[in-house]
Amino acid sequence: MEDTDRRDTEPKADPAAEPTPEPTAPDPAADPAPEPAAADGDQPPQQPPPRRRRLRRTRRIALAVLLVLLLPLLTAETALRVNYMGDPADGTYTRNRDAIWLGHAWVDGRKTDADLTALARSLKTTGIRDLYVHTGPMEHDGTLPKSLYPRARWLTDAVHREMPGVRVQAFLGDVLATESPDGMRLEKAATRAAVVRSARQVLDAGYDGVHLDLEPLHSGDRNYLSLLDDVRAVTRAEGAQLSVAAHQIDPVPAFHSFWGTVAGHPKWWSQEFFGQVARRVDQIAVMSYDTMQPLESLYGGYVAQQTSLALEVTPPTTQLLMGLPFYHENRFGHWNHAETVAAAVRGVRLGLSRTDAGRERFGVAAYIDFAATDEDWTAYRDGWVRQD
């Protein structure tokens, strides 16, 4: 869910211009002199053609609209840049509660024992303790074909053996029919019941938890909250985790409503709704990437803001994780040169420092393993894993 100064200038007087004499009041006792008759051939002053007048008026309106749109944006981007300033507090490093999203290859047969050994070696020098392994996607009716994860038991057994203390959660996602006619419909009770059965199904396959990622999920969706209540009843009964991937929080109040009207895609959640979700789960991971920010400093300031907003409404009993972009794309919503791991980590530390520096149930979550570079891992280790 993420970039200056407004200067109103007055026209300067021309120092070479002659001062215009102020008009004097007419003498009521004096008769006005008759005006001289216009000479033959004199023409009244010419008015601009109607087309030119319309063009000028259109230009003025366009300029006014541009200023109305740009000034708030420039103000907001300036605030983000300021938010990226300063030094993080001492001790704002990993709590050894971090996570990473893993691709589907880990459960469909493409990964081998050698891959697992390499993963264990790589994670040993990190604070990662949760693996969100792509096990879906679910069908639009909420069901989950078992044929999608034939190697799930191999993975969970191998992780428990090679990486003691690391949990494997089934990453279950689907597209919601919130902005198109196709997708999962959470308003259907039968669909929600099927998702609950899918959650029980993956726990029976050996997973340590369920990680839900349903998008685009609009702020205030009561059906989603009801689904979380039902799934958590299952995970608690099994001693398992319930985690979710969460949308970003409104950078300004009610921005999701404005953006939904303008773009047809609300994107953000209200801070209130974020808190409602956070109170229903064991872990909530903010997808703090794809922010539309064009500069690294603006992206980092945005992440700092998101971290603070999330900390304010996440109860201390729920683990909050901030997303790190371990992938590389260049498009309108995500600029690779701006959304860097280094900027995200610094933003996370700044937000944590300013809001709740001592929060224990806190970490970062890297998205995603198969797109990560050595530079991403180095930035994560150097900026977040290192200790004072």
Protein backbone atom coordinates (compact mmCIF):
# COMPACT_ATOMS: atom_id res chain seq x y z
CA MET A 1 0.00 0.00 0.00
CA GLU A 2 3.27 3.42 -1.67
CA ASP A 3 6.19 10.49 -2.69
CA THR A 4 6.87 19.58 -2.27
CA ASP A 5 6.83 22.92 -1.47
CA ARG A 6 3.88 25.17 -2.27
CA ARG A 7 4.97 28.63 -3.20
CA ASP A 8 2.34 31.22 -4.10
CA THR A 9 4.08 34.08 -5.96
CA GLU A 10 2.74 37.54 -6.53
CA PRO A 11 3.46 39.28 -9.88
CA LYS A 12 6.35 41.69 -9.50
CA ALA A 13 5.86 45.35 -10.34
CA ASP A 14 7.70 46.71 -13.38
CA PRO A 15 10.12 49.33 -12.03
CA ALA A 16 10.20 51.05 -15.41
CA ALA A 17 6.45 51.56 -15.58
CA GLU A 18 5.01 55.02 -15.01
CA PRO A 19 2.84 55.28 -11.87
CA THR A 20 -0.83 55.51 -12.71
CA PRO A 21 -2.36 58.67 -11.22
CA GLU A 22 -5.22 58.00 -8.87
CA PRO A 23 -8.58 59.22 -10.15
CA THR A 24 -9.94 62.37 -8.49
CA ALA A 25 -13.57 62.88 -7.57
CA PRO A 26 -15.45 65.04 -10.08
CA ASP A 27 -16.33 68.62 -9.08
CA PRO A 28 -20.11 68.62 -8.66
CA ALA A 29 -20.19 72.31 -9.59
CA ALA A 30 -18.56 71.78 -12.95
CA ASP A 31 -20.44 70.74 -16.04
CA PRO A 32 -18.82 67.86 -17.90
CA ALA A 33 -17.23 68.86 -21.15
CA PRO A 34 -18.83 67.31 -24.21
CA GLU A 35 -16.89 64.32 -25.57
CA PRO A 36 -15.40 64.78 -29.02
CA ALA A 37 -17.21 62.93 -31.77
CA ALA A 38 -15.44 59.94 -33.21
CA ALA A 39 -13.75 60.63 -36.47
CA ASP A 40 -14.87 58.74 -39.54
CA GLY A 41 -13.11 55.40 -39.81
CA ASP A 42 -12.39 55.02 -36.05
CA GLN A 43 -13.21 51.48 -34.79
CA PRO A 44 -14.03 50.35 -31.23
CA PRO A 45 -11.39 48.11 -29.52
CA GLN A 46 -11.40 44.59 -30.93
CA GLN A 47 -12.38 41.67 -28.60
CA PRO A 48 -10.51 38.36 -28.91
CA PRO A 49 -12.33 35.85 -31.08
CA PRO A 50 -14.68 33.52 -29.11
CA ARG A 51 -12.46 30.52 -29.88
CA ARG A 52 -9.42 32.20 -28.33
CA ARG A 53 -11.41 33.22 -25.25
CA ARG A 54 -12.60 29.64 -24.80
CA LEU A 55 -9.02 28.37 -25.13
CA ARG A 56 -7.79 30.76 -22.46
CA ARG A 57 -10.61 29.79 -20.13
CA THR A 58 -9.88 26.10 -20.68
CA ARG A 59 -6.21 26.61 -19.89
CA ARG A 60 -7.04 28.42 -16.65
CA ILE A 61 -9.42 25.66 -15.58
CA ALA A 62 -6.88 22.96 -16.42
CA LEU A 63 -4.19 24.77 -14.41
CA ALA A 64 -6.52 25.12 -11.44
CA VAL A 65 -7.43 21.44 -11.55
CA LEU A 66 -3.77 20.47 -11.82
CA LEU A 67 -2.91 22.54 -8.77
CA VAL A 68 -5.80 21.05 -6.80
CA LEU A 69 -4.54 17.53 -7.61
CA LEU A 70 -0.81 18.09 -7.29
CA LEU A 71 -0.54 20.20 -4.18
CA PRO A 72 -1.91 17.55 -1.79
CA LEU A 73 0.28 14.93 -3.48
CA LEU A 74 3.40 17.06 -3.18
CA THR A 75 2.57 17.79 0.45
CA ALA A 76 2.14 14.08 1.20
CA GLU A 77 5.39 13.15 -0.56
CA THR A 78 7.26 15.81 1.38
CA ALA A 79 5.91 14.33 4.61
CA LEU A 80 7.15 10.88 3.57
CA ARG A 81 10.61 12.23 2.85
CA VAL A 82 10.71 13.85 6.28
CA ASN A 83 9.49 10.57 7.78
CA TYR A 84 12.58 8.84 6.39
CA MET A 85 14.92 11.18 8.28
CA GLY A 86 16.53 10.52 11.62
CA ASP A 87 18.22 7.52 13.21
CA PRO A 88 16.51 4.30 14.33
CA ALA A 89 16.67 3.50 18.03
CA ASP A 90 19.28 1.11 19.35
CA GLY A 91 18.12 -2.47 19.53
CA THR A 92 15.55 -2.23 16.76
CA TYR A 93 16.71 -5.37 15.01
CA THR A 94 15.30 -8.84 14.48
CA ARG A 95 13.43 -10.50 17.30
CA ASN A 96 13.96 -13.83 15.52
CA ARG A 97 10.30 -13.82 14.50
CA ASP A 98 10.72 -13.15 10.79
CA ALA A 99 9.06 -15.00 7.89
CA ILE A 100 9.44 -15.64 4.19
CA TRP A 101 6.96 -16.51 1.46
CA LEU A 102 8.05 -19.58 -0.54
CA GLY A 103 6.91 -20.57 -4.03
CA HIS A 104 4.79 -23.57 -5.03
CA ALA A 105 7.82 -25.58 -6.19
CA TRP A 106 8.42 -26.66 -2.59
CA VAL A 107 5.29 -28.85 -2.53
CA ASP A 108 4.62 -29.86 -6.14
CA GLY A 109 7.71 -32.05 -6.62
CA ARG A 110 10.21 -29.68 -8.19
CA LYS A 111 12.33 -29.19 -5.05
CA THR A 112 14.71 -31.87 -3.77
CA ASP A 113 16.58 -32.77 -0.60
CA ALA A 114 19.53 -30.75 -1.88
CA ASP A 115 17.31 -27.66 -2.19
CA LEU A 116 16.08 -28.16 1.34
CA THR A 117 19.63 -28.44 2.66
CA ALA A 118 20.59 -25.22 0.88
CA LEU A 119 17.53 -23.44 2.30
CA ALA A 120 18.39 -24.60 5.82
CA ARG A 121 21.94 -23.32 5.41
CA SER A 122 20.71 -19.95 4.15
CA LEU A 123 18.13 -19.42 6.90
CA LYS A 124 20.56 -20.33 9.66
CA THR A 125 22.04 -16.82 9.61
CA THR A 126 18.65 -15.08 9.67
CA GLY A 127 15.79 -14.45 12.07
CA ILE A 128 13.29 -16.38 9.94
CA ARG A 129 11.08 -18.77 11.90
CA ASP A 130 7.98 -19.06 9.69
CA LEU A 131 7.73 -20.32 6.10
CA TYR A 132 4.58 -19.36 4.19
CA VAL A 133 4.60 -22.05 1.50
CA HIS A 134 2.31 -21.55 -1.50
CA THR A 135 -0.03 -24.54 -1.35
CA GLY A 136 -3.08 -23.24 -3.25
CA PRO A 137 -4.57 -21.54 -5.01
CA MET A 138 -7.95 -22.53 -3.72
CA GLU A 139 -10.83 -22.94 -6.13
CA HIS A 140 -13.33 -20.10 -6.27
CA ASP A 141 -15.74 -22.25 -4.24
CA GLY A 142 -13.20 -22.48 -1.40
CA THR A 143 -12.09 -26.04 -2.00
CA LEU A 144 -8.44 -27.10 -2.30
CA PRO A 145 -7.44 -30.02 -4.59
CA LYS A 146 -5.01 -32.33 -2.80
CA SER A 147 -3.23 -32.84 -6.12
CA LEU A 148 -1.72 -29.35 -5.73
CA TYR A 149 0.59 -30.31 -2.86
CA PRO A 150 1.77 -33.93 -3.23
CA ARG A 151 5.10 -33.22 -1.46
CA ALA A 152 3.73 -31.28 1.51
CA ARG A 153 4.46 -34.03 4.03
CA TRP A 154 8.02 -34.37 2.70
CA LEU A 155 8.55 -30.63 3.19
CA THR A 156 7.11 -30.36 6.68
CA ASP A 157 9.01 -33.43 7.92
CA ALA A 158 12.28 -32.22 6.38
CA VAL A 159 11.95 -28.70 7.81
CA HIS A 160 11.17 -30.02 11.28
CA ARG A 161 14.20 -32.28 11.04
CA GLU A 162 16.71 -29.88 9.46
CA MET A 163 15.47 -26.58 10.95
CA PRO A 164 14.21 -27.12 14.50
CA GLY A 165 11.95 -24.28 15.65
CA VAL A 166 10.92 -23.25 12.12
CA ARG A 167 7.21 -23.57 11.30
CA VAL A 168 5.70 -24.38 7.90
CA GLN A 169 2.40 -22.69 7.13
CA ALA A 170 0.18 -23.42 4.13
CA PHE A 171 -0.09 -20.25 2.02
CA LEU A 172 -3.66 -20.39 0.64
CA GLY A 173 -4.84 -17.66 -1.69
CA ASP A 174 -7.38 -16.79 -4.32
CA VAL A 175 -8.76 -13.83 -6.25
CA LEU A 176 -11.91 -12.36 -4.77
CA ALA A 177 -14.85 -11.32 -6.93
CA THR A 178 -14.79 -7.81 -5.49
CA GLU A 179 -13.74 -5.92 -8.61
CA SER A 180 -14.58 -8.41 -11.37
CA PRO A 181 -17.30 -11.02 -11.95
CA ASP A 182 -14.85 -13.91 -11.50
CA GLY A 183 -13.39 -15.04 -8.21
CA MET A 184 -14.20 -16.26 -4.74
CA ARG A 185 -17.35 -14.85 -3.14
CA LEU A 186 -17.01 -14.60 0.61
CA GLU A 187 -20.62 -13.50 0.95
CA LYS A 188 -21.60 -17.13 0.31
CA ALA A 189 -21.73 -19.14 3.51
CA ALA A 190 -20.99 -22.34 1.59
CA THR A 191 -17.77 -20.82 0.23
CA ARG A 192 -16.58 -19.74 3.67
CA ALA A 193 -17.37 -23.21 5.03
CA ALA A 194 -15.30 -24.76 2.23
CA VAL A 195 -12.31 -22.51 3.10
CA VAL A 196 -12.55 -23.72 6.69
CA ARG A 197 -12.48 -27.32 5.47
CA SER A 198 -9.45 -26.51 3.31
CA ALA A 199 -7.70 -25.13 6.40
CA ARG A 200 -8.39 -28.33 8.31
CA GLN A 201 -7.21 -30.31 5.28
CA VAL A 202 -3.73 -28.74 5.19
CA LEU A 203 -3.29 -29.11 8.94
CA ASP A 204 -4.02 -32.81 8.50
CA ALA A 205 -1.25 -32.85 5.86
CA GLY A 206 1.32 -31.81 8.46
CA TYR A 207 1.40 -28.01 8.21
CA ASP A 208 1.95 -25.94 11.36
CA GLY A 209 -0.48 -23.23 10.34
CA VAL A 210 -2.68 -21.61 7.73
CA HIS A 211 -1.70 -18.40 5.94
CA LEU A 212 -4.56 -16.71 4.03
CA ASP A 213 -3.99 -14.25 1.18
CA LEU A 214 -7.30 -13.22 -0.41
CA GLU A 215 -7.20 -10.23 -2.76
CA PRO A 216 -8.45 -7.66 -3.52
CA LEU A 217 -10.06 -7.54 -0.10
CA HIS A 218 -11.97 -4.35 0.55
CA SER A 219 -11.84 -2.57 3.87
CA GLY A 220 -14.72 -3.37 6.20
CA ASP A 221 -15.56 -6.79 4.74
CA ARG A 222 -17.59 -8.44 7.51
CA ASN A 223 -17.66 -11.78 5.69
CA TYR A 224 -13.86 -11.91 5.86
CA LEU A 225 -13.91 -11.26 9.60
CA SER A 226 -16.45 -14.05 10.02
CA LEU A 227 -14.21 -16.38 8.00
CA LEU A 228 -11.23 -15.58 10.22
CA ASP A 229 -13.25 -16.39 13.34
CA ASP A 230 -14.21 -19.77 11.89
CA VAL A 231 -10.72 -20.67 10.68
CA ARG A 232 -9.12 -19.66 13.97
CA ALA A 233 -11.43 -22.00 15.83
CA VAL A 234 -9.91 -24.81 13.76
CA THR A 235 -6.27 -23.71 14.14
CA ARG A 236 -6.60 -23.20 17.89
CA ALA A 237 -8.08 -26.65 18.31
CA GLU A 238 -5.03 -28.05 16.52
CA GLY A 239 -2.47 -25.87 18.31
CA ALA A 240 -1.62 -24.30 14.94
CA GLN A 241 -1.06 -20.75 13.69
CA LEU A 242 -3.45 -18.54 11.73
CA SER A 243 -1.72 -15.82 9.74
CA VAL A 244 -2.88 -13.46 7.01
CA ALA A 245 -1.38 -11.24 4.33
CA ALA A 246 -2.80 -7.76 4.93
CA HIS A 247 -3.36 -4.75 2.71
CA GLN A 248 -1.66 -1.47 3.52
CA ILE A 249 -3.36 1.04 5.81
CA ASP A 250 -4.82 4.35 4.64
CA PRO A 251 -1.88 6.80 4.50
CA VAL A 252 -4.47 9.50 5.24
CA PRO A 253 -7.88 8.80 6.80
CA ALA A 254 -10.49 7.32 4.44
CA PHE A 255 -8.06 7.30 1.50
CA HIS A 256 -9.34 3.86 0.46
CA SER A 257 -12.77 5.39 -0.21
CA PHE A 258 -11.30 8.19 -2.31
CA TRP A 259 -9.05 5.84 -4.30
CA GLY A 260 -11.88 3.40 -4.82
CA THR A 261 -14.00 6.16 -6.33
CA VAL A 262 -11.19 7.45 -8.55
CA ALA A 263 -9.54 4.17 -9.60
CA GLY A 264 -12.15 1.53 -8.89
CA HIS A 265 -9.65 -0.27 -6.63
CA PRO A 266 -9.66 0.83 -2.95
CA LYS A 267 -6.29 -0.91 -2.29
CA TRP A 268 -5.90 0.31 1.31
CA TRP A 269 -7.68 -0.73 4.51
CA SER A 270 -8.82 1.66 7.18
CA GLN A 271 -6.72 1.52 10.32
CA GLU A 272 -9.81 0.41 12.22
CA PHE A 273 -10.40 -2.56 9.92
CA PHE A 274 -6.71 -3.52 10.10
CA GLY A 275 -7.05 -3.68 13.88
CA GLN A 276 -10.18 -5.82 13.60
CA VAL A 277 -8.29 -8.30 11.45
CA ALA A 278 -5.20 -8.24 13.69
CA ARG A 279 -7.25 -9.16 16.75
CA ARG A 280 -8.53 -12.32 15.04
CA VAL A 281 -5.20 -13.87 14.00
CA ASP A 282 -1.88 -14.99 15.43
CA GLN A 283 0.21 -13.21 12.79
CA ILE A 284 -0.53 -10.39 10.37
CA ALA A 285 1.94 -9.64 7.57
CA VAL A 286 1.60 -6.26 5.83
CA MET A 287 2.22 -6.34 2.08
CA SER A 288 4.26 -3.15 2.33
CA TYR A 289 5.36 -3.10 -1.30
CA ASP A 290 3.74 -2.11 -4.62
CA THR A 291 3.39 1.37 -3.16
CA MET A 292 3.71 3.53 -6.32
CA GLN A 293 6.55 5.48 -4.68
CA PRO A 294 9.13 6.72 -7.22
CA LEU A 295 12.12 7.29 -4.92
CA GLU A 296 13.90 5.14 -2.37
CA SER A 297 13.60 7.79 0.35
CA LEU A 298 9.86 8.16 -0.27
CA TYR A 299 9.36 4.41 -0.18
CA GLY A 300 11.30 4.12 3.06
CA GLY A 301 9.28 6.94 4.59
CA TYR A 302 6.10 5.22 3.47
CA VAL A 303 7.15 1.95 5.13
CA ALA A 304 7.98 3.85 8.32
CA GLN A 305 4.50 5.34 8.29
CA GLN A 306 2.86 1.96 7.61
CA THR A 307 4.84 0.38 10.45
CA SER A 308 3.64 3.02 12.89
CA LEU A 309 0.03 2.80 11.75
CA ALA A 310 0.04 -0.99 12.06
CA LEU A 311 1.72 -1.00 15.48
CA GLU A 312 -0.89 1.40 16.85
CA VAL A 313 -3.76 -1.06 16.29
CA THR A 314 -2.10 -4.49 16.48
CA PRO A 315 -2.51 -6.00 19.94
CA PRO A 316 0.73 -7.11 21.63
CA THR A 317 -0.54 -10.71 21.58
CA THR A 318 -0.56 -10.71 17.74
CA GLN A 319 2.71 -10.89 15.83
CA LEU A 320 3.08 -8.06 13.32
CA LEU A 321 5.35 -8.50 10.30
CA MET A 322 6.24 -5.86 7.71
CA GLY A 323 6.82 -7.04 4.15
CA LEU A 324 10.17 -6.74 2.37
CA PRO A 325 10.30 -6.73 -1.47
CA PHE A 326 12.52 -9.67 -2.41
CA TYR A 327 11.51 -9.33 -6.07
CA HIS A 328 12.27 -6.97 -8.92
CA GLU A 329 9.79 -5.37 -11.30
CA ASN A 330 9.33 -2.05 -13.03
CA ARG A 331 5.76 -0.91 -13.52
CA PHE A 332 3.46 1.84 -12.30
CA GLY A 333 2.83 0.32 -8.88
CA HIS A 334 6.37 -0.91 -8.18
CA TRP A 335 9.63 0.78 -9.15
CA ASN A 336 12.60 -1.50 -8.62
CA HIS A 337 15.04 1.36 -8.01
CA ALA A 338 12.79 2.76 -5.25
CA GLU A 339 11.36 -0.30 -3.48
CA THR A 340 14.58 -1.76 -2.14
CA VAL A 341 15.12 -4.06 0.81
CA ALA A 342 17.53 -1.56 2.36
CA ALA A 343 14.94 1.24 2.27
CA ALA A 344 12.22 -1.05 3.62
CA VAL A 345 14.38 -2.24 6.53
CA ARG A 346 15.36 1.30 7.48
CA GLY A 347 11.70 2.36 7.26
CA VAL A 348 10.65 -0.54 9.48
CA ARG A 349 13.25 0.37 12.09
CA LEU A 350 12.23 4.03 12.06
CA GLY A 351 8.55 3.22 12.48
CA LEU A 352 9.31 0.72 15.24
CA SER A 353 11.58 3.24 17.00
CA ARG A 354 8.95 5.97 17.00
CA THR A 355 5.94 3.87 17.97
CA ASP A 356 6.85 0.83 20.07
CA ALA A 357 10.59 0.15 20.08
CA GLY A 358 10.25 -2.63 22.63
CA ARG A 359 7.57 -4.65 20.80
CA GLU A 360 8.54 -8.30 21.00
CA ARG A 361 6.02 -9.93 18.67
CA PHE A 362 7.35 -8.13 15.63
CA GLY A 363 9.33 -8.99 12.54
CA VAL A 364 9.69 -8.70 8.78
CA ALA A 365 8.48 -11.02 6.01
CA ALA A 366 10.33 -11.40 2.72
CA TYR A 367 8.44 -11.85 -0.55
CA ILE A 368 9.46 -14.12 -2.30
CA ASP A 369 12.22 -16.76 -2.26
CA PHE A 370 12.54 -17.59 -5.98
CA ALA A 371 12.96 -13.94 -7.02
CA ALA A 372 15.42 -12.93 -4.30
CA THR A 373 18.96 -11.84 -5.15
CA ASP A 374 22.13 -11.99 -3.12
CA GLU A 375 21.84 -8.23 -2.69
CA ASP A 376 18.37 -8.65 -1.14
CA TRP A 377 19.64 -11.17 1.39
CA THR A 378 22.66 -9.02 2.20
CA ALA A 379 20.52 -5.92 2.77
CA TYR A 380 18.23 -7.91 5.06
CA ARG A 381 21.09 -9.36 7.08
CA ASP A 382 23.11 -6.15 7.30
CA GLY A 383 20.17 -3.89 8.09
CA TRP A 384 17.93 -6.06 10.24
CA VAL A 385 19.64 -9.22 11.50
CA ARG A 386 22.82 -7.57 12.83
CA GLN A 387 22.94 -6.84 16.54
CA ASP A 388 24.37 -3.87 18.46
